[in-house]
Amino acid sequence: MLLADDEHLIRGALAALLALEDDLAIVAEAASGPEALAMARAHHPDVAVLDLQMPGADGVRVAATLRESVPECRTMIVTSHGRPGHLKRALAVGVRGFVPKTASAEQLAEIIRTVHGGSRYVDPELAADAISAGDSPLSAREAELLELAGDGAPVAEIAKRASLTQGTVRNYLSAAAAKLGAENRHTAVRMARERGWI
């Protein structure tokens, strides 16, 4: 299996605990999205255990890429940020497991076996939250622009990054804020992040 988490202490602890399982072997570790992709392509693990939030590419993006480039590798997300939108995005790209970091090592080992065996595991509490939260009202472009606005960038910078005019960016951000009932784009970003829609 591949173990990818940017927090070295957590990754090391997980590796040590999972190494105690006779039937599980860690063939590679990674600290970022791009490194996880490189390790998966080099080692072809049966299962990739991916942290949701990693530098370079999040776990969902890594899983989506692995689905194309290393299709035999089953993916699962382990996260401390189990928001409904994240779960829906993960399932949409074929992730087979979605687990909170509060799971015990024994639970995680069993879930890895479940995913390796071809079944799916989604934490019941996260699944219930996702069902009750509903779908994102944002269009793909609105979500993209809110994501770009997330670091406080001015409209001119967002427009440049998105290859759009400033007026178009303002229109999309206003529409996104209106859909979320937010008074401005900064509140809209916060609300969308809380729901896992960006």
N, C-alpha and C. Protein backbone atom coordinates (compact mmCIF):
# COMPACT_ATOMS: atom_id res chain seq x y z
N MET A 1 0.84 -1.17 0.00
CA MET A 1 0.00 0.00 0.00
C MET A 1 0.88 1.23 0.00
N LEU A 2 0.30 2.33 -0.49
CA LEU A 2 0.93 3.65 -0.47
C LEU A 2 0.28 4.45 0.64
N LEU A 3 1.09 5.13 1.44
CA LEU A 3 0.60 5.96 2.54
C LEU A 3 1.03 7.40 2.25
N ALA A 4 0.05 8.31 2.05
CA ALA A 4 0.36 9.70 1.71
C ALA A 4 -0.29 10.65 2.70
N ASP A 5 0.54 11.40 3.41
CA ASP A 5 0.08 12.41 4.37
C ASP A 5 1.20 13.41 4.54
N ASP A 6 0.89 14.70 4.48
CA ASP A 6 1.94 15.71 4.58
C ASP A 6 2.42 15.92 6.02
N GLU A 7 1.69 15.39 6.98
CA GLU A 7 2.11 15.50 8.38
C GLU A 7 2.99 14.29 8.71
N HIS A 8 4.29 14.53 8.82
CA HIS A 8 5.25 13.43 8.98
C HIS A 8 4.99 12.59 10.22
N LEU A 9 4.61 13.22 11.32
CA LEU A 9 4.35 12.48 12.55
C LEU A 9 3.18 11.52 12.38
N ILE A 10 2.10 12.01 11.77
CA ILE A 10 0.92 11.16 11.55
C ILE A 10 1.25 10.03 10.58
N ARG A 11 1.93 10.36 9.48
CA ARG A 11 2.28 9.33 8.50
C ARG A 11 3.19 8.27 9.13
N GLY A 12 4.16 8.72 9.92
CA GLY A 12 5.07 7.78 10.57
C GLY A 12 4.35 6.88 11.56
N ALA A 13 3.44 7.49 12.34
CA ALA A 13 2.69 6.70 13.32
C ALA A 13 1.80 5.67 12.62
N LEU A 14 1.11 6.10 11.55
CA LEU A 14 0.27 5.17 10.79
C LEU A 14 1.10 4.04 10.20
N ALA A 15 2.24 4.40 9.64
CA ALA A 15 3.11 3.38 9.04
C ALA A 15 3.55 2.36 10.09
N ALA A 16 3.93 2.84 11.27
CA ALA A 16 4.38 1.94 12.33
C ALA A 16 3.25 1.03 12.80
N LEU A 17 2.06 1.60 12.97
CA LEU A 17 0.92 0.79 13.42
C LEU A 17 0.48 -0.22 12.38
N LEU A 18 0.43 0.21 11.11
CA LEU A 18 0.00 -0.71 10.05
C LEU A 18 1.04 -1.79 9.78
N ALA A 19 2.32 -1.49 10.07
CA ALA A 19 3.38 -2.49 9.88
C ALA A 19 3.21 -3.67 10.83
N LEU A 20 2.44 -3.48 11.91
CA LEU A 20 2.19 -4.56 12.85
C LEU A 20 1.21 -5.60 12.30
N GLU A 21 0.53 -5.25 11.23
CA GLU A 21 -0.44 -6.16 10.61
C GLU A 21 0.31 -7.08 9.63
N ASP A 22 0.19 -8.38 9.82
CA ASP A 22 0.95 -9.35 9.01
C ASP A 22 0.61 -9.29 7.53
N ASP A 23 -0.64 -8.97 7.20
CA ASP A 23 -1.06 -9.04 5.80
C ASP A 23 -1.01 -7.68 5.09
N LEU A 24 -0.50 -6.64 5.75
CA LEU A 24 -0.41 -5.32 5.11
C LEU A 24 1.04 -4.90 4.99
N ALA A 25 1.41 -4.42 3.80
CA ALA A 25 2.78 -3.96 3.59
C ALA A 25 2.76 -2.58 2.93
N ILE A 26 3.51 -1.66 3.49
CA ILE A 26 3.62 -0.32 2.92
C ILE A 26 4.80 -0.34 1.95
N VAL A 27 4.50 -0.11 0.66
CA VAL A 27 5.56 -0.14 -0.36
C VAL A 27 6.12 1.25 -0.64
N ALA A 28 5.37 2.31 -0.23
CA ALA A 28 5.86 3.67 -0.47
C ALA A 28 5.12 4.64 0.44
N GLU A 29 5.78 5.77 0.72
CA GLU A 29 5.18 6.86 1.48
C GLU A 29 5.38 8.16 0.71
N ALA A 30 4.48 9.12 0.95
CA ALA A 30 4.57 10.40 0.25
C ALA A 30 4.08 11.51 1.16
N ALA A 31 4.59 12.73 0.93
CA ALA A 31 4.22 13.89 1.75
C ALA A 31 3.45 14.94 0.97
N SER A 32 3.20 14.70 -0.32
CA SER A 32 2.46 15.68 -1.13
C SER A 32 1.68 14.94 -2.22
N GLY A 33 0.76 15.67 -2.84
CA GLY A 33 0.00 15.07 -3.93
C GLY A 33 0.87 14.60 -5.08
N PRO A 34 1.75 15.47 -5.61
CA PRO A 34 2.63 15.04 -6.72
C PRO A 34 3.52 13.86 -6.34
N GLU A 35 4.03 13.86 -5.09
CA GLU A 35 4.88 12.75 -4.66
C GLU A 35 4.06 11.45 -4.58
N ALA A 36 2.83 11.55 -4.11
CA ALA A 36 1.95 10.37 -4.05
C ALA A 36 1.74 9.79 -5.44
N LEU A 37 1.50 10.66 -6.42
CA LEU A 37 1.32 10.19 -7.80
C LEU A 37 2.57 9.51 -8.31
N ALA A 38 3.73 10.11 -8.07
CA ALA A 38 4.99 9.53 -8.53
C ALA A 38 5.24 8.17 -7.88
N MET A 39 4.99 8.07 -6.58
CA MET A 39 5.20 6.80 -5.87
C MET A 39 4.23 5.73 -6.35
N ALA A 40 2.99 6.11 -6.59
CA ALA A 40 2.00 5.13 -7.08
C ALA A 40 2.39 4.62 -8.46
N ARG A 41 2.86 5.52 -9.32
CA ARG A 41 3.27 5.10 -10.67
C ARG A 41 4.51 4.20 -10.61
N ALA A 42 5.39 4.46 -9.65
CA ALA A 42 6.62 3.68 -9.54
C ALA A 42 6.39 2.32 -8.89
N HIS A 43 5.50 2.26 -7.89
CA HIS A 43 5.35 1.04 -7.09
C HIS A 43 4.07 0.25 -7.33
N HIS A 44 3.09 0.83 -8.01
CA HIS A 44 1.81 0.17 -8.31
C HIS A 44 1.22 -0.53 -7.08
N PRO A 45 0.91 0.24 -6.03
CA PRO A 45 0.32 -0.37 -4.83
C PRO A 45 -1.11 -0.86 -5.10
N ASP A 46 -1.56 -1.81 -4.30
CA ASP A 46 -2.94 -2.28 -4.41
C ASP A 46 -3.92 -1.23 -3.87
N VAL A 47 -3.49 -0.52 -2.81
CA VAL A 47 -4.33 0.49 -2.16
C VAL A 47 -3.49 1.72 -1.88
N ALA A 48 -4.05 2.90 -2.14
CA ALA A 48 -3.42 4.16 -1.77
C ALA A 48 -4.27 4.80 -0.68
N VAL A 49 -3.65 5.02 0.48
CA VAL A 49 -4.31 5.68 1.62
C VAL A 49 -3.86 7.13 1.57
N LEU A 50 -4.78 8.03 1.22
CA LEU A 50 -4.45 9.42 0.92
C LEU A 50 -5.06 10.37 1.94
N ASP A 51 -4.25 11.31 2.42
CA ASP A 51 -4.78 12.40 3.23
C ASP A 51 -5.58 13.30 2.30
N LEU A 52 -6.65 13.88 2.79
CA LEU A 52 -7.46 14.77 1.95
C LEU A 52 -6.70 16.02 1.58
N GLN A 53 -6.09 16.67 2.56
CA GLN A 53 -5.43 17.95 2.31
C GLN A 53 -3.92 17.76 2.30
N MET A 54 -3.36 17.83 1.09
CA MET A 54 -1.91 17.73 0.90
C MET A 54 -1.46 18.83 -0.03
N PRO A 55 -0.22 19.28 0.10
CA PRO A 55 0.28 20.30 -0.83
C PRO A 55 0.41 19.74 -2.24
N GLY A 56 0.22 20.60 -3.21
CA GLY A 56 0.39 20.22 -4.61
C GLY A 56 -0.85 19.68 -5.28
N ALA A 57 -1.56 18.81 -4.61
CA ALA A 57 -2.82 18.24 -5.10
C ALA A 57 -3.48 17.54 -3.92
N ASP A 58 -4.76 17.80 -3.72
CA ASP A 58 -5.43 17.15 -2.59
C ASP A 58 -5.70 15.68 -2.89
N GLY A 59 -6.13 14.95 -1.88
CA GLY A 59 -6.34 13.51 -2.02
C GLY A 59 -7.35 13.15 -3.10
N VAL A 60 -8.37 13.98 -3.28
CA VAL A 60 -9.38 13.69 -4.30
C VAL A 60 -8.77 13.84 -5.70
N ARG A 61 -7.96 14.88 -5.90
CA ARG A 61 -7.30 15.05 -7.21
C ARG A 61 -6.33 13.90 -7.48
N VAL A 62 -5.59 13.50 -6.45
CA VAL A 62 -4.67 12.37 -6.61
C VAL A 62 -5.46 11.11 -6.98
N ALA A 63 -6.56 10.86 -6.28
CA ALA A 63 -7.38 9.68 -6.57
C ALA A 63 -7.91 9.70 -8.00
N ALA A 64 -8.34 10.87 -8.45
CA ALA A 64 -8.86 10.98 -9.82
C ALA A 64 -7.77 10.67 -10.84
N THR A 65 -6.56 11.16 -10.59
CA THR A 65 -5.45 10.90 -11.51
C THR A 65 -5.04 9.42 -11.47
N LEU A 66 -5.02 8.85 -10.28
CA LEU A 66 -4.66 7.43 -10.16
C LEU A 66 -5.66 6.53 -10.86
N ARG A 67 -6.90 6.94 -10.86
CA ARG A 67 -7.94 6.15 -11.54
C ARG A 67 -7.59 5.98 -13.03
N GLU A 68 -6.98 7.00 -13.60
CA GLU A 68 -6.58 6.96 -15.02
C GLU A 68 -5.21 6.31 -15.22
N SER A 69 -4.24 6.71 -14.37
CA SER A 69 -2.85 6.30 -14.61
C SER A 69 -2.44 4.98 -13.94
N VAL A 70 -3.08 4.63 -12.83
CA VAL A 70 -2.79 3.36 -12.15
C VAL A 70 -4.14 2.75 -11.75
N PRO A 71 -4.93 2.31 -12.74
CA PRO A 71 -6.31 1.90 -12.49
C PRO A 71 -6.47 0.71 -11.53
N GLU A 72 -5.44 -0.10 -11.40
CA GLU A 72 -5.53 -1.25 -10.49
C GLU A 72 -5.40 -0.84 -9.01
N CYS A 73 -4.99 0.39 -8.76
CA CYS A 73 -4.81 0.89 -7.39
C CYS A 73 -6.14 1.43 -6.86
N ARG A 74 -6.63 0.83 -5.79
CA ARG A 74 -7.85 1.34 -5.15
C ARG A 74 -7.46 2.46 -4.20
N THR A 75 -8.31 3.46 -4.10
CA THR A 75 -7.96 4.63 -3.29
C THR A 75 -8.92 4.81 -2.12
N MET A 76 -8.38 5.36 -1.04
CA MET A 76 -9.21 5.74 0.09
C MET A 76 -8.66 7.02 0.69
N ILE A 77 -9.55 7.80 1.27
CA ILE A 77 -9.20 9.08 1.87
C ILE A 77 -9.31 8.96 3.38
N VAL A 78 -8.28 9.44 4.08
CA VAL A 78 -8.31 9.54 5.54
C VAL A 78 -8.18 11.03 5.84
N THR A 79 -9.12 11.57 6.62
CA THR A 79 -9.15 13.01 6.79
C THR A 79 -9.63 13.46 8.15
N SER A 80 -9.17 14.63 8.54
CA SER A 80 -9.73 15.28 9.73
C SER A 80 -10.72 16.36 9.30
N HIS A 81 -10.93 16.48 7.99
CA HIS A 81 -11.83 17.49 7.42
C HIS A 81 -12.94 16.80 6.63
N GLY A 82 -13.76 16.03 7.29
CA GLY A 82 -14.78 15.24 6.59
C GLY A 82 -16.03 16.03 6.28
N ARG A 83 -15.93 16.97 5.37
CA ARG A 83 -17.10 17.77 5.02
C ARG A 83 -17.88 17.08 3.90
N PRO A 84 -19.20 17.32 3.87
CA PRO A 84 -20.06 16.63 2.90
C PRO A 84 -19.59 16.75 1.44
N GLY A 85 -19.20 17.95 1.03
CA GLY A 85 -18.76 18.14 -0.35
C GLY A 85 -17.51 17.34 -0.69
N HIS A 86 -16.62 17.19 0.29
CA HIS A 86 -15.41 16.40 0.06
C HIS A 86 -15.77 14.94 -0.19
N LEU A 87 -16.68 14.43 0.60
CA LEU A 87 -17.10 13.04 0.43
C LEU A 87 -17.73 12.84 -0.95
N LYS A 88 -18.60 13.73 -1.35
CA LYS A 88 -19.26 13.60 -2.65
C LYS A 88 -18.25 13.67 -3.79
N ARG A 89 -17.29 14.60 -3.69
CA ARG A 89 -16.24 14.70 -4.72
C ARG A 89 -15.42 13.41 -4.78
N ALA A 90 -15.10 12.89 -3.61
CA ALA A 90 -14.28 11.67 -3.55
C ALA A 90 -15.01 10.49 -4.19
N LEU A 91 -16.27 10.31 -3.84
CA LEU A 91 -17.04 9.20 -4.41
C LEU A 91 -17.20 9.35 -5.92
N ALA A 92 -17.33 10.59 -6.37
CA ALA A 92 -17.50 10.84 -7.81
C ALA A 92 -16.29 10.43 -8.63
N VAL A 93 -15.09 10.44 -8.02
CA VAL A 93 -13.89 10.04 -8.77
C VAL A 93 -13.46 8.60 -8.46
N GLY A 94 -14.32 7.85 -7.77
CA GLY A 94 -14.05 6.43 -7.57
C GLY A 94 -13.33 6.06 -6.29
N VAL A 95 -13.22 6.97 -5.34
CA VAL A 95 -12.60 6.63 -4.06
C VAL A 95 -13.44 5.54 -3.39
N ARG A 96 -12.78 4.53 -2.86
CA ARG A 96 -13.49 3.37 -2.29
C ARG A 96 -13.65 3.44 -0.78
N GLY A 97 -12.90 4.33 -0.13
CA GLY A 97 -13.02 4.45 1.32
C GLY A 97 -12.88 5.90 1.73
N PHE A 98 -13.65 6.31 2.72
CA PHE A 98 -13.60 7.69 3.24
C PHE A 98 -13.73 7.59 4.75
N VAL A 99 -12.62 7.90 5.44
CA VAL A 99 -12.49 7.59 6.86
C VAL A 99 -11.98 8.80 7.64
N PRO A 100 -12.54 9.08 8.82
CA PRO A 100 -11.99 10.16 9.64
C PRO A 100 -10.69 9.72 10.31
N LYS A 101 -9.82 10.68 10.60
CA LYS A 101 -8.56 10.34 11.27
C LYS A 101 -8.78 9.91 12.71
N THR A 102 -10.00 9.98 13.18
CA THR A 102 -10.30 9.50 14.54
C THR A 102 -10.44 7.98 14.59
N ALA A 103 -10.42 7.32 13.44
CA ALA A 103 -10.51 5.85 13.42
C ALA A 103 -9.28 5.26 14.11
N SER A 104 -9.46 4.12 14.77
CA SER A 104 -8.33 3.44 15.40
C SER A 104 -7.49 2.73 14.34
N ALA A 105 -6.28 2.36 14.72
CA ALA A 105 -5.40 1.64 13.78
C ALA A 105 -6.03 0.33 13.35
N GLU A 106 -6.71 -0.34 14.29
CA GLU A 106 -7.35 -1.61 13.96
C GLU A 106 -8.49 -1.40 12.96
N GLN A 107 -9.28 -0.34 13.18
CA GLN A 107 -10.36 -0.03 12.23
C GLN A 107 -9.78 0.29 10.86
N LEU A 108 -8.74 1.12 10.84
CA LEU A 108 -8.14 1.50 9.57
C LEU A 108 -7.61 0.27 8.82
N ALA A 109 -6.94 -0.63 9.53
CA ALA A 109 -6.43 -1.85 8.90
C ALA A 109 -7.58 -2.66 8.30
N GLU A 110 -8.67 -2.76 9.02
CA GLU A 110 -9.82 -3.53 8.52
C GLU A 110 -10.44 -2.85 7.30
N ILE A 111 -10.50 -1.52 7.32
CA ILE A 111 -11.06 -0.77 6.18
C ILE A 111 -10.16 -0.92 4.96
N ILE A 112 -8.85 -0.91 5.17
CA ILE A 112 -7.91 -1.13 4.06
C ILE A 112 -8.17 -2.49 3.44
N ARG A 113 -8.37 -3.51 4.27
CA ARG A 113 -8.68 -4.85 3.76
C ARG A 113 -9.99 -4.86 2.98
N THR A 114 -10.98 -4.13 3.49
CA THR A 114 -12.28 -4.03 2.82
C THR A 114 -12.12 -3.41 1.43
N VAL A 115 -11.39 -2.30 1.37
CA VAL A 115 -11.17 -1.61 0.10
C VAL A 115 -10.36 -2.49 -0.85
N HIS A 116 -9.32 -3.14 -0.32
CA HIS A 116 -8.50 -4.03 -1.13
C HIS A 116 -9.34 -5.17 -1.72
N GLY A 117 -10.31 -5.63 -0.95
CA GLY A 117 -11.17 -6.72 -1.41
C GLY A 117 -12.22 -6.30 -2.43
N GLY A 118 -12.27 -5.00 -2.75
CA GLY A 118 -13.19 -4.53 -3.78
C GLY A 118 -14.46 -3.90 -3.25
N SER A 119 -14.62 -3.87 -1.94
CA SER A 119 -15.81 -3.25 -1.35
C SER A 119 -15.54 -1.79 -1.04
N ARG A 120 -16.56 -1.11 -0.58
CA ARG A 120 -16.47 0.31 -0.27
C ARG A 120 -16.76 0.50 1.21
N TYR A 121 -16.09 1.49 1.81
CA TYR A 121 -16.38 1.85 3.19
C TYR A 121 -16.46 3.37 3.30
N VAL A 122 -17.58 3.86 3.81
CA VAL A 122 -17.73 5.28 4.09
C VAL A 122 -18.17 5.40 5.54
N ASP A 123 -17.46 6.22 6.30
CA ASP A 123 -17.82 6.43 7.69
C ASP A 123 -19.29 6.81 7.78
N PRO A 124 -20.08 6.11 8.59
CA PRO A 124 -21.53 6.35 8.64
C PRO A 124 -21.90 7.79 9.02
N GLU A 125 -21.17 8.39 9.95
CA GLU A 125 -21.48 9.77 10.35
C GLU A 125 -21.22 10.75 9.21
N LEU A 126 -20.11 10.56 8.50
CA LEU A 126 -19.80 11.42 7.35
C LEU A 126 -20.85 11.23 6.25
N ALA A 127 -21.28 10.01 6.05
CA ALA A 127 -22.31 9.74 5.03
C ALA A 127 -23.61 10.44 5.39
N ALA A 128 -24.01 10.37 6.65
CA ALA A 128 -25.25 11.03 7.08
C ALA A 128 -25.16 12.54 6.91
N ASP A 129 -24.00 13.12 7.25
CA ASP A 129 -23.80 14.56 7.07
C ASP A 129 -23.90 14.95 5.59
N ALA A 130 -23.32 14.13 4.73
CA ALA A 130 -23.35 14.42 3.29
C ALA A 130 -24.77 14.38 2.75
N ILE A 131 -25.55 13.43 3.21
CA ILE A 131 -26.93 13.31 2.74
C ILE A 131 -27.74 14.52 3.19
N SER A 132 -27.55 14.93 4.45
CA SER A 132 -28.35 16.04 4.97
C SER A 132 -27.91 17.40 4.42
N ALA A 133 -26.65 17.52 3.97
CA ALA A 133 -26.15 18.80 3.48
C ALA A 133 -26.67 19.14 2.09
N GLY A 134 -27.03 18.15 1.31
CA GLY A 134 -27.50 18.41 -0.05
C GLY A 134 -26.35 18.71 -1.00
N ASP A 135 -26.70 18.98 -2.24
CA ASP A 135 -25.69 19.25 -3.26
C ASP A 135 -25.34 20.72 -3.29
N SER A 136 -24.16 21.00 -3.79
CA SER A 136 -23.70 22.39 -3.92
C SER A 136 -24.54 23.13 -4.95
N PRO A 137 -24.98 24.35 -4.62
CA PRO A 137 -25.72 25.15 -5.59
C PRO A 137 -24.80 25.86 -6.59
N LEU A 138 -23.50 25.78 -6.35
CA LEU A 138 -22.53 26.51 -7.17
C LEU A 138 -22.24 25.80 -8.49
N SER A 139 -22.09 26.60 -9.53
CA SER A 139 -21.62 26.02 -10.80
C SER A 139 -20.13 25.73 -10.66
N ALA A 140 -19.59 24.95 -11.57
CA ALA A 140 -18.16 24.63 -11.51
C ALA A 140 -17.32 25.89 -11.60
N ARG A 141 -17.70 26.84 -12.44
CA ARG A 141 -16.94 28.09 -12.58
C ARG A 141 -17.03 28.94 -11.32
N GLU A 142 -18.22 29.00 -10.70
CA GLU A 142 -18.37 29.77 -9.46
C GLU A 142 -17.50 29.17 -8.36
N ALA A 143 -17.50 27.85 -8.25
CA ALA A 143 -16.67 27.18 -7.24
C ALA A 143 -15.19 27.45 -7.51
N GLU A 144 -14.80 27.39 -8.78
CA GLU A 144 -13.40 27.64 -9.14
C GLU A 144 -12.98 29.04 -8.74
N LEU A 145 -13.83 30.03 -9.02
CA LEU A 145 -13.48 31.41 -8.71
C LEU A 145 -13.51 31.68 -7.21
N LEU A 146 -14.42 31.05 -6.48
CA LEU A 146 -14.39 31.18 -5.02
C LEU A 146 -13.10 30.59 -4.46
N GLU A 147 -12.68 29.48 -5.03
CA GLU A 147 -11.41 28.87 -4.60
C GLU A 147 -10.26 29.83 -4.84
N LEU A 148 -10.24 30.48 -6.00
CA LEU A 148 -9.18 31.45 -6.30
C LEU A 148 -9.26 32.67 -5.38
N ALA A 149 -10.47 33.01 -4.94
CA ALA A 149 -10.65 34.15 -4.04
C ALA A 149 -10.32 33.78 -2.59
N GLY A 150 -10.13 32.51 -2.34
CA GLY A 150 -9.94 32.02 -0.98
C GLY A 150 -8.76 32.58 -0.23
N ASP A 151 -7.72 32.96 -0.94
CA ASP A 151 -6.54 33.50 -0.26
C ASP A 151 -6.57 35.02 -0.16
N GLY A 152 -7.75 35.62 -0.47
CA GLY A 152 -7.89 37.07 -0.36
C GLY A 152 -7.39 37.85 -1.56
N ALA A 153 -7.15 37.15 -2.66
CA ALA A 153 -6.64 37.82 -3.87
C ALA A 153 -7.64 38.85 -4.37
N PRO A 154 -7.15 39.99 -4.89
CA PRO A 154 -8.07 40.98 -5.47
C PRO A 154 -8.67 40.47 -6.77
N VAL A 155 -9.76 41.09 -7.19
CA VAL A 155 -10.46 40.68 -8.40
C VAL A 155 -9.53 40.66 -9.61
N ALA A 156 -8.65 41.65 -9.70
CA ALA A 156 -7.72 41.71 -10.85
C ALA A 156 -6.84 40.47 -10.91
N GLU A 157 -6.36 40.02 -9.76
CA GLU A 157 -5.50 38.83 -9.71
C GLU A 157 -6.29 37.57 -10.04
N ILE A 158 -7.51 37.48 -9.53
CA ILE A 158 -8.37 36.32 -9.82
C ILE A 158 -8.65 36.27 -11.32
N ALA A 159 -8.97 37.42 -11.89
CA ALA A 159 -9.25 37.50 -13.33
C ALA A 159 -8.05 37.03 -14.15
N LYS A 160 -6.87 37.46 -13.73
CA LYS A 160 -5.65 37.06 -14.44
C LYS A 160 -5.44 35.55 -14.36
N ARG A 161 -5.60 34.99 -13.16
CA ARG A 161 -5.39 33.55 -12.97
C ARG A 161 -6.42 32.72 -13.74
N ALA A 162 -7.65 33.24 -13.84
CA ALA A 162 -8.73 32.49 -14.50
C ALA A 162 -8.87 32.83 -15.98
N SER A 163 -8.06 33.76 -16.47
CA SER A 163 -8.14 34.22 -17.87
C SER A 163 -9.53 34.74 -18.21
N LEU A 164 -10.07 35.57 -17.31
CA LEU A 164 -11.38 36.19 -17.50
C LEU A 164 -11.24 37.70 -17.29
N THR A 165 -12.26 38.44 -17.71
CA THR A 165 -12.25 39.87 -17.43
C THR A 165 -12.65 40.08 -15.97
N GLN A 166 -12.28 41.25 -15.44
CA GLN A 166 -12.61 41.56 -14.05
C GLN A 166 -14.13 41.61 -13.85
N GLY A 167 -14.84 42.15 -14.84
CA GLY A 167 -16.30 42.23 -14.75
C GLY A 167 -16.93 40.85 -14.68
N THR A 168 -16.43 39.92 -15.47
CA THR A 168 -16.94 38.55 -15.47
C THR A 168 -16.69 37.89 -14.12
N VAL A 169 -15.49 38.11 -13.57
CA VAL A 169 -15.16 37.55 -12.26
C VAL A 169 -16.11 38.11 -11.20
N ARG A 170 -16.34 39.43 -11.23
CA ARG A 170 -17.26 40.04 -10.26
C ARG A 170 -18.66 39.44 -10.37
N ASN A 171 -19.11 39.23 -11.61
CA ASN A 171 -20.44 38.64 -11.82
C ASN A 171 -20.54 37.24 -11.24
N TYR A 172 -19.53 36.41 -11.50
CA TYR A 172 -19.53 35.04 -10.97
C TYR A 172 -19.48 35.05 -9.44
N LEU A 173 -18.61 35.89 -8.87
CA LEU A 173 -18.49 35.94 -7.41
C LEU A 173 -19.77 36.45 -6.76
N SER A 174 -20.41 37.44 -7.40
CA SER A 174 -21.69 37.96 -6.89
C SER A 174 -22.77 36.88 -6.95
N ALA A 175 -22.80 36.15 -8.06
CA ALA A 175 -23.79 35.08 -8.20
C ALA A 175 -23.57 33.99 -7.14
N ALA A 176 -22.31 33.64 -6.91
CA ALA A 176 -21.99 32.63 -5.90
C ALA A 176 -22.41 33.10 -4.52
N ALA A 177 -22.10 34.34 -4.19
CA ALA A 177 -22.48 34.89 -2.88
C ALA A 177 -24.00 34.90 -2.73
N ALA A 178 -24.72 35.27 -3.78
CA ALA A 178 -26.18 35.30 -3.72
C ALA A 178 -26.74 33.89 -3.50
N LYS A 179 -26.20 32.90 -4.20
CA LYS A 179 -26.68 31.52 -4.04
C LYS A 179 -26.48 31.00 -2.62
N LEU A 180 -25.41 31.48 -1.98
CA LEU A 180 -25.10 31.01 -0.62
C LEU A 180 -25.72 31.90 0.45
N GLY A 181 -26.32 33.02 0.03
CA GLY A 181 -26.89 33.95 1.00
C GLY A 181 -25.81 34.68 1.79
N ALA A 182 -24.66 34.88 1.16
CA ALA A 182 -23.52 35.55 1.81
C ALA A 182 -23.50 37.02 1.43
N GLU A 183 -23.06 37.85 2.39
CA GLU A 183 -23.04 39.30 2.12
C GLU A 183 -21.87 39.72 1.23
N ASN A 184 -20.82 38.89 1.13
CA ASN A 184 -19.70 39.22 0.25
C ASN A 184 -18.95 37.95 -0.14
N ARG A 185 -17.96 38.11 -1.00
CA ARG A 185 -17.25 36.93 -1.51
C ARG A 185 -16.45 36.23 -0.41
N HIS A 186 -15.95 37.00 0.57
CA HIS A 186 -15.15 36.40 1.64
C HIS A 186 -16.02 35.47 2.50
N THR A 187 -17.23 35.91 2.81
CA THR A 187 -18.17 35.07 3.55
C THR A 187 -18.58 33.87 2.71
N ALA A 188 -18.76 34.10 1.41
CA ALA A 188 -19.13 32.99 0.50
C ALA A 188 -18.03 31.93 0.47
N VAL A 189 -16.77 32.37 0.45
CA VAL A 189 -15.64 31.42 0.47
C VAL A 189 -15.69 30.60 1.75
N ARG A 190 -15.87 31.27 2.88
CA ARG A 190 -15.91 30.57 4.17
C ARG A 190 -17.06 29.56 4.21
N MET A 191 -18.24 29.98 3.76
CA MET A 191 -19.41 29.09 3.77
C MET A 191 -19.19 27.88 2.86
N ALA A 192 -18.66 28.13 1.66
CA ALA A 192 -18.43 27.04 0.71
C ALA A 192 -17.38 26.07 1.25
N ARG A 193 -16.36 26.59 1.92
CA ARG A 193 -15.33 25.70 2.50
C ARG A 193 -15.92 24.87 3.63
N GLU A 194 -16.74 25.48 4.47
CA GLU A 194 -17.34 24.76 5.59
C GLU A 194 -18.18 23.58 5.11
N ARG A 195 -18.79 23.73 3.95
CA ARG A 195 -19.63 22.67 3.40
C ARG A 195 -18.87 21.71 2.51
N GLY A 196 -17.58 22.02 2.27
CA GLY A 196 -16.76 21.16 1.43
C GLY A 196 -17.05 21.30 -0.05
N TRP A 197 -17.64 22.43 -0.44
CA TRP A 197 -17.96 22.64 -1.86
C TRP A 197 -16.79 23.23 -2.63
N ILE A 198 -15.79 23.72 -1.94
CA ILE A 198 -14.54 24.15 -2.60
C ILE A 198 -13.36 23.62 -1.79
